[in-house]
Amino acid sequence: MTVEEFKRKYLGQQVEYHSFGSGAFNQCVDLINQYINDVLDNNTKDYTEIIGTNAKDFDTKYDPEDFEWIVNTPTNIPQEGDIIVWNGNVGGGAGHVAIFLTGGVNAFNSLDQNWSQVERVTLETHNYNNVIGWLRPKNLPQPVETITKEKYDIDIASRDNQIKERDLEIEELKKKLE
């Protein structure tokens, strides 16, 4: 499953992966562990879930065989699929984690659970305030574009039409110069 497929599957849903108590259902860490299970686990690598901890502690609880820790600096930019980690100044002291989708050095879009809607998966836009860094999955599966015969034929036809249009423009210019 790709990051995009994961987003489509869980957006608007409640994700419960693992809880130790009745007050910890559908939390941001549940979404991340579901992501690890659905997207990162693949035929070549089994990732270890990060359970039994607050989101703010993900930077010390991950398996280094699975992730690289990248500190947030003014010039670092996460990549799609990175797990963003906030400190304890958010989430009622527990921090927050989310899946990076797109962004730059000032702001980013992510897939979150329990941020703007309690216990729901949402698309959010954040700045980097209180972000301590992110976990970059090692061996993240990359989507493979499938080129169908129809797509190939359309691309060739489009290219051929562009060439014909340019040829006509050249002929018109030649006539004007004569």
Protein backbone atom coordinates (compact mmCIF):
# COMPACT_ATOMS: atom_id res chain seq x y z
CA MET A 1 0.00 0.00 0.00
CA THR A 2 1.31 3.48 -0.84
CA VAL A 3 1.04 6.61 1.31
CA GLU A 4 -1.67 7.92 -1.04
CA GLU A 5 -3.68 4.68 -0.78
CA PHE A 6 -3.35 4.78 3.01
CA LYS A 7 -4.59 8.39 3.05
CA ARG A 8 -7.63 7.51 0.93
CA LYS A 9 -8.46 4.47 3.07
CA TYR A 10 -8.36 6.18 6.47
CA LEU A 11 -9.27 9.84 5.85
CA GLY A 12 -12.28 10.71 8.03
CA GLN A 13 -12.08 7.39 9.89
CA GLN A 14 -11.15 6.47 13.45
CA VAL A 15 -8.04 4.33 13.70
CA GLU A 16 -7.48 2.24 16.82
CA TYR A 17 -4.29 0.21 16.65
CA HIS A 18 -3.25 -0.54 20.24
CA SER A 19 -4.23 0.96 23.59
CA PHE A 20 -3.12 0.26 27.15
CA GLY A 21 -6.07 1.96 28.78
CA SER A 22 -9.63 3.08 28.17
CA GLY A 23 -8.61 6.75 27.86
CA ALA A 24 -6.29 6.27 24.92
CA PHE A 25 -8.44 5.26 21.97
CA ASN A 26 -8.03 6.63 18.42
CA GLN A 27 -4.90 8.64 19.15
CA CYS A 28 -2.28 10.01 16.76
CA VAL A 29 0.07 7.16 17.69
CA ASP A 30 -2.59 4.66 16.59
CA LEU A 31 -2.62 6.17 13.10
CA ILE A 32 1.18 5.97 12.90
CA ASN A 33 1.27 2.34 13.97
CA GLN A 34 -1.45 1.49 11.46
CA TYR A 35 0.69 3.27 8.84
CA ILE A 36 3.73 1.22 9.87
CA ASN A 37 1.66 -1.95 9.55
CA ASP A 38 -0.14 -1.09 6.28
CA VAL A 39 2.45 0.88 4.31
CA LEU A 40 5.93 0.22 5.66
CA ASP A 41 5.75 -3.51 6.33
CA ASN A 42 6.52 -5.21 3.04
CA ASN A 43 8.01 -8.39 1.67
CA THR A 44 11.59 -7.24 2.25
CA LYS A 45 11.30 -5.65 5.71
CA ASP A 46 9.11 -5.94 8.80
CA TYR A 47 8.97 -2.68 10.74
CA THR A 48 8.55 -2.61 14.51
CA GLU A 49 5.55 -0.66 15.77
CA ILE A 50 6.16 2.13 18.30
CA ILE A 51 3.63 1.34 21.01
CA GLY A 52 3.37 2.04 24.72
CA THR A 53 4.73 5.59 24.55
CA ASN A 54 3.63 9.17 24.08
CA ALA A 55 4.06 10.79 20.69
CA LYS A 56 6.70 13.22 22.03
CA ASP A 57 8.94 10.24 22.84
CA PHE A 58 9.01 8.70 19.35
CA ASP A 59 12.49 10.16 18.83
CA THR A 60 13.86 7.78 21.49
CA LYS A 61 11.55 4.77 21.08
CA TYR A 62 11.98 3.83 17.41
CA ASP A 63 14.05 0.93 16.09
CA PRO A 64 17.15 2.35 14.32
CA GLU A 65 16.98 -0.59 11.91
CA ASP A 66 13.64 0.79 10.70
CA PHE A 67 14.03 4.58 10.81
CA GLU A 68 16.52 7.40 10.56
CA TRP A 69 15.99 10.30 13.00
CA ILE A 70 16.23 13.76 11.37
CA VAL A 71 16.35 16.82 13.60
CA ASN A 72 14.15 19.76 12.62
CA THR A 73 16.29 22.68 11.42
CA PRO A 74 15.29 25.80 9.45
CA THR A 75 16.50 24.21 6.19
CA ASN A 76 15.49 20.54 6.58
CA ILE A 77 12.37 19.47 4.71
CA PRO A 78 10.68 16.13 5.37
CA GLN A 79 9.78 13.76 2.55
CA GLU A 80 6.44 12.12 1.82
CA GLY A 81 5.95 9.31 4.31
CA ASP A 82 8.17 10.75 7.06
CA ILE A 83 6.66 10.65 10.56
CA ILE A 84 6.65 14.16 12.05
CA VAL A 85 7.17 14.36 15.84
CA TRP A 86 6.07 17.30 18.02
CA ASN A 87 7.27 17.98 21.57
CA GLY A 88 5.16 18.01 24.73
CA ASN A 89 4.01 21.61 24.20
CA VAL A 90 1.16 20.16 22.12
CA GLY A 91 -1.24 17.27 22.66
CA GLY A 92 -1.85 18.07 26.31
CA GLY A 93 1.77 17.28 27.12
CA ALA A 94 1.86 14.00 25.17
CA GLY A 95 3.12 15.57 21.92
CA HIS A 96 1.81 14.65 18.50
CA VAL A 97 2.83 12.59 15.46
CA ALA A 98 1.60 12.77 11.86
CA ILE A 99 2.50 11.55 8.38
CA PHE A 100 4.15 14.16 6.14
CA LEU A 101 2.53 14.52 2.71
CA THR A 102 3.86 17.71 1.09
CA GLY A 103 5.48 20.97 2.13
CA GLY A 104 8.44 23.27 2.31
CA VAL A 105 10.58 25.01 4.92
CA ASN A 106 7.75 27.14 6.37
CA ALA A 107 4.71 24.87 6.35
CA PHE A 108 3.59 21.37 5.45
CA ASN A 109 0.52 19.21 4.88
CA SER A 110 0.12 15.99 6.81
CA LEU A 111 -2.26 13.18 7.65
CA ASP A 112 -3.14 13.43 11.35
CA GLN A 113 -5.44 11.76 13.81
CA ASN A 114 -6.83 13.60 16.82
CA TRP A 115 -5.70 17.09 15.80
CA SER A 116 -8.51 19.36 14.52
CA GLN A 117 -11.17 16.67 14.94
CA VAL A 118 -11.14 14.52 18.05
CA GLU A 119 -10.31 10.90 17.25
CA ARG A 120 -10.62 11.38 13.46
CA VAL A 121 -8.09 11.19 10.63
CA THR A 122 -7.81 14.56 8.87
CA LEU A 123 -5.64 16.44 6.41
CA GLU A 124 -3.89 19.30 8.21
CA THR A 125 -1.59 22.20 7.41
CA HIS A 126 1.08 22.93 10.03
CA ASN A 127 4.04 25.18 10.58
CA TYR A 128 7.12 23.75 12.29
CA ASN A 129 6.42 25.22 15.75
CA ASN A 130 7.15 22.55 18.37
CA VAL A 131 8.27 20.00 15.74
CA ILE A 132 11.43 18.37 17.08
CA GLY A 133 12.12 16.27 14.00
CA TRP A 134 10.92 13.30 12.00
CA LEU A 135 11.46 9.63 11.47
CA ARG A 136 12.40 8.70 7.92
CA PRO A 137 11.45 5.11 7.13
CA LYS A 138 14.24 3.02 5.68
CA ASN A 139 13.17 1.13 2.53
CA LEU A 140 9.89 3.04 2.10
CA PRO A 141 7.96 1.35 -0.73
CA GLN A 142 7.71 3.72 -3.69
CA PRO A 143 4.69 3.71 -5.96
CA VAL A 144 5.38 2.31 -9.38
CA GLU A 145 3.67 4.05 -12.28
CA THR A 146 2.04 1.60 -14.60
CA ILE A 147 2.32 2.60 -18.24
CA THR A 148 -0.61 1.13 -20.12
CA LYS A 149 -0.82 0.83 -23.88
CA GLU A 150 -3.60 3.43 -23.84
CA LYS A 151 -1.47 5.92 -21.88
CA TYR A 152 1.50 5.28 -24.16
CA ASP A 153 -0.65 5.74 -27.28
CA ILE A 154 -2.14 8.98 -25.89
CA ASP A 155 1.33 10.34 -25.02
CA ILE A 156 2.62 9.54 -28.53
CA ALA A 157 -0.48 11.07 -30.16
CA SER A 158 -0.09 14.20 -28.02
CA ARG A 159 3.57 14.50 -28.99
CA ASP A 160 2.72 14.01 -32.67
CA ASN A 161 0.07 16.75 -32.48
CA GLN A 162 2.57 19.13 -30.89
CA ILE A 163 5.05 18.43 -33.68
CA LYS A 164 2.38 19.07 -36.34
CA GLU A 165 1.43 22.37 -34.66
CA ARG A 166 5.06 23.49 -34.57
CA ASP A 167 5.56 22.49 -38.20
CA LEU A 168 2.54 24.61 -39.17
CA GLU A 169 3.93 27.57 -37.18
CA ILE A 170 7.28 27.22 -38.93
CA GLU A 171 5.61 27.12 -42.34
CA GLU A 172 3.62 30.26 -41.52
CA LEU A 173 6.77 32.07 -40.39
CA LYS A 174 8.58 31.05 -43.57
CA LYS A 175 5.73 32.47 -45.66
CA LYS A 176 5.88 35.77 -43.77
CA LEU A 177 9.63 36.01 -44.33
CA GLU A 178 9.34 35.44 -48.10
